[in-house]
Amino acid sequence: YKRQVSTQSTGEIDDGIHKYGVKNVNGIGKVYAYEVDGLGHQLFADDANIPNLLSIPYLNFTSPHDTDGAIAKNTRKFVLSEKNPWYYESSQSNFKGLGSPHTGGDRIWHLGIIMAGLTTESDTEINEAFEMLEATDAGTNFMHESFYKDSPGSYTRHWFGWANSLFCEFLMKKLNVLASK
């Protein structure tokens, strides 16, 4: 009985996500909302904290409403674009990624760069993420919470265990990808 109720609830939640939390974004297609309030309002954005929309494939979320994964792929495209209010790009380098309202504007989070690398199959994107992480540790050999998009030496949290741990997982993925070629 518990499994039946759980499965039914899961289906109802997924139905609600697709009824109230998906919209067509110009130039991208249907994407998932970051937040809905139950009153018909939706927020289309993504923040570097995990779980987030970028982590959909990492968390193995699938939906019978998105059998080919198009909404999830479109959501990733949206999240990693200037259409996302918490996505930042440096004007002086190739640094780019998700930020968060928790640390203010123009600050890129290492968690966001790492998750972008973990959720792509593109060797180019994996290498770009890894190179960006190496270039933005401010010489500390640690991942930080965030750094200013034009100056990685301006960072928050000298030691951020969450980002360091996820970086290790990303490094293992990168090494495995390289070893399998």
Protein backbone atom coordinates (compact mmCIF):
# COMPACT_ATOMS: atom_id res chain seq x y z
CA TYR A 1 0.00 0.00 0.00
CA LYS A 2 2.78 2.46 0.91
CA ARG A 3 4.49 1.95 -2.46
CA GLN A 4 1.19 2.54 -4.29
CA VAL A 5 0.58 5.79 -2.38
CA SER A 6 4.18 6.88 -2.95
CA THR A 7 3.99 6.14 -6.67
CA GLN A 8 0.66 7.95 -6.93
CA SER A 9 2.06 10.99 -5.06
CA THR A 10 5.14 11.03 -7.27
CA GLY A 11 2.92 11.07 -10.35
CA GLU A 12 0.80 13.88 -8.94
CA ILE A 13 3.89 15.94 -8.13
CA ASP A 14 5.30 15.39 -11.61
CA ASP A 15 1.93 16.33 -13.14
CA GLY A 16 1.97 19.53 -11.07
CA ILE A 17 5.51 20.38 -12.13
CA HIS A 18 4.55 20.11 -15.78
CA LYS A 19 1.23 21.90 -15.36
CA TYR A 20 2.50 24.87 -13.32
CA GLY A 21 6.29 24.86 -13.60
CA VAL A 22 7.09 24.73 -17.31
CA LYS A 23 6.95 27.53 -19.84
CA ASN A 24 8.23 28.29 -23.32
CA VAL A 25 11.24 30.63 -23.24
CA ASN A 26 11.86 32.54 -26.45
CA GLY A 27 14.73 31.06 -28.46
CA ILE A 28 15.13 28.05 -26.15
CA GLY A 29 11.84 26.16 -25.87
CA LYS A 30 10.09 24.68 -22.83
CA VAL A 31 12.03 24.99 -19.56
CA TYR A 32 11.44 24.14 -15.91
CA ALA A 33 10.76 26.94 -13.43
CA TYR A 34 13.07 27.51 -10.50
CA GLU A 35 10.13 28.33 -8.28
CA VAL A 36 6.34 28.47 -8.34
CA ASP A 37 4.18 29.92 -5.58
CA GLY A 38 0.83 28.19 -6.01
CA LEU A 39 -0.78 31.47 -7.02
CA GLY A 40 0.15 31.26 -10.69
CA HIS A 41 3.51 33.03 -10.41
CA GLN A 42 6.73 31.44 -11.63
CA LEU A 43 10.38 32.37 -11.33
CA PHE A 44 12.61 31.32 -14.20
CA ALA A 45 16.20 31.38 -12.96
CA ASP A 46 18.71 29.02 -11.40
CA ASP A 47 21.08 29.39 -8.50
CA ALA A 48 24.38 27.55 -7.99
CA ASN A 49 23.24 25.83 -4.78
CA ILE A 50 22.54 22.14 -5.27
CA PRO A 51 20.02 20.68 -5.80
CA ASN A 52 19.26 23.06 -8.60
CA LEU A 53 17.91 22.88 -12.13
CA LEU A 54 21.39 22.37 -13.56
CA SER A 55 21.70 19.21 -11.46
CA ILE A 56 18.65 17.52 -13.06
CA PRO A 57 20.76 14.88 -14.85
CA TYR A 58 23.12 14.50 -11.86
CA LEU A 59 20.11 13.64 -9.69
CA ASN A 60 18.74 11.29 -12.36
CA PHE A 61 15.42 13.14 -12.51
CA THR A 62 13.29 11.95 -15.39
CA SER A 63 9.66 12.55 -16.19
CA PRO A 64 7.02 10.78 -18.24
CA HIS A 65 6.11 14.30 -19.44
CA ASP A 66 9.64 14.69 -20.87
CA THR A 67 10.44 11.26 -22.27
CA ASP A 68 13.09 12.52 -24.70
CA GLY A 69 14.66 14.85 -22.12
CA ALA A 70 14.03 17.95 -24.24
CA ILE A 71 12.70 20.08 -21.35
CA ALA A 72 15.68 19.13 -19.18
CA LYS A 73 18.12 19.94 -22.02
CA ASN A 74 16.37 23.25 -22.73
CA THR A 75 16.47 24.05 -19.03
CA ARG A 76 20.25 23.50 -18.99
CA LYS A 77 20.59 25.76 -22.03
CA PHE A 78 18.51 28.44 -20.26
CA VAL A 79 20.38 28.11 -16.96
CA LEU A 80 23.77 28.54 -18.65
CA SER A 81 22.71 31.66 -20.55
CA GLU A 82 22.28 35.35 -19.95
CA LYS A 83 18.52 34.73 -19.78
CA ASN A 84 19.17 33.39 -16.25
CA PRO A 85 19.46 36.37 -13.87
CA TRP A 86 22.06 34.51 -11.75
CA TYR A 87 24.38 33.60 -14.61
CA TYR A 88 27.49 35.72 -14.96
CA GLU A 89 30.30 36.08 -17.48
CA SER A 90 33.56 37.93 -17.04
CA SER A 91 34.25 40.83 -19.36
CA GLN A 92 38.00 40.21 -19.02
CA SER A 93 38.36 36.43 -19.34
CA ASN A 94 36.47 33.26 -20.18
CA PHE A 95 35.12 32.88 -16.63
CA LYS A 96 31.41 32.15 -16.64
CA GLY A 97 28.87 30.32 -14.54
CA LEU A 98 26.08 30.36 -12.04
CA GLY A 99 25.99 32.66 -9.09
CA SER A 100 23.51 33.07 -6.28
CA PRO A 101 21.56 35.86 -4.63
CA HIS A 102 23.22 34.69 -1.37
CA THR A 103 26.55 36.27 -2.35
CA GLY A 104 25.33 39.13 -4.52
CA GLY A 105 25.65 39.90 -8.21
CA ASP A 106 28.64 39.25 -10.45
CA ARG A 107 29.95 36.41 -8.28
CA ILE A 108 30.39 32.98 -9.88
CA TRP A 109 30.19 29.88 -7.71
CA HIS A 110 32.60 27.00 -8.08
CA LEU A 111 29.66 24.65 -7.34
CA GLY A 112 27.96 25.92 -10.50
CA ILE A 113 31.04 25.41 -12.68
CA ILE A 114 31.56 21.93 -11.26
CA MET A 115 27.91 20.93 -11.78
CA ALA A 116 28.05 22.20 -15.37
CA GLY A 117 31.05 19.91 -15.88
CA LEU A 118 29.42 16.95 -14.15
CA THR A 119 26.25 17.18 -16.23
CA THR A 120 27.72 17.40 -19.71
CA GLU A 121 28.99 14.72 -22.03
CA SER A 122 30.97 17.27 -24.05
CA ASP A 123 34.74 16.85 -23.63
CA THR A 124 35.12 20.51 -24.58
CA GLU A 125 32.77 21.66 -21.82
CA ILE A 126 34.42 19.34 -19.29
CA ASN A 127 37.86 20.71 -20.16
CA GLU A 128 36.63 24.32 -20.11
CA ALA A 129 35.12 23.81 -16.65
CA PHE A 130 38.27 22.18 -15.32
CA GLU A 131 40.49 24.95 -16.73
CA MET A 132 38.19 27.59 -15.25
CA LEU A 133 38.35 25.92 -11.83
CA GLU A 134 42.15 25.77 -11.97
CA ALA A 135 42.35 29.44 -12.95
CA THR A 136 39.95 30.69 -10.27
CA ASP A 137 41.23 29.11 -7.05
CA ALA A 138 43.17 32.32 -6.29
CA GLY A 139 46.35 30.28 -5.81
CA THR A 140 44.93 28.48 -2.77
CA ASN A 141 44.37 25.08 -4.44
CA PHE A 142 40.89 25.13 -2.91
CA MET A 143 37.46 25.71 -4.32
CA HIS A 144 35.63 28.67 -2.82
CA GLU A 145 32.00 29.53 -2.43
CA SER A 146 32.17 32.28 -5.04
CA PHE A 147 34.56 34.64 -6.75
CA TYR A 148 34.11 37.99 -8.44
CA LYS A 149 33.71 37.32 -12.18
CA ASP A 150 36.56 39.65 -13.18
CA SER A 151 38.88 38.96 -10.24
CA PRO A 152 39.14 35.42 -8.83
CA GLY A 153 41.28 36.75 -5.96
CA SER A 154 38.13 38.32 -4.56
CA TYR A 155 36.37 35.27 -3.18
CA THR A 156 34.06 34.15 -0.39
CA ARG A 157 34.84 31.24 1.98
CA HIS A 158 38.50 30.30 1.89
CA TRP A 159 37.51 26.73 2.72
CA PHE A 160 34.24 25.42 1.30
CA GLY A 161 34.13 21.66 1.86
CA TRP A 162 31.04 21.16 -0.26
CA ALA A 163 32.71 22.61 -3.36
CA ASN A 164 36.00 20.82 -2.63
CA SER A 165 34.22 17.46 -2.32
CA LEU A 166 32.22 17.97 -5.49
CA PHE A 167 35.42 19.04 -7.26
CA CYS A 168 36.96 15.69 -6.33
CA GLU A 169 34.00 13.90 -7.89
CA PHE A 170 34.36 16.04 -11.02
CA LEU A 171 38.09 15.30 -11.17
CA MET A 172 37.36 11.55 -10.99
CA LYS A 173 34.89 11.94 -13.88
CA LYS A 174 37.43 13.85 -15.93
CA LEU A 175 40.18 11.29 -15.29
CA ASN A 176 37.85 8.42 -16.15
CA VAL A 177 36.82 10.14 -19.38
CA LEU A 178 40.46 10.65 -20.32
CA ALA A 179 41.43 7.09 -19.34
CA SER A 180 38.65 5.56 -21.43
CA LYS A 181 39.91 7.19 -24.64
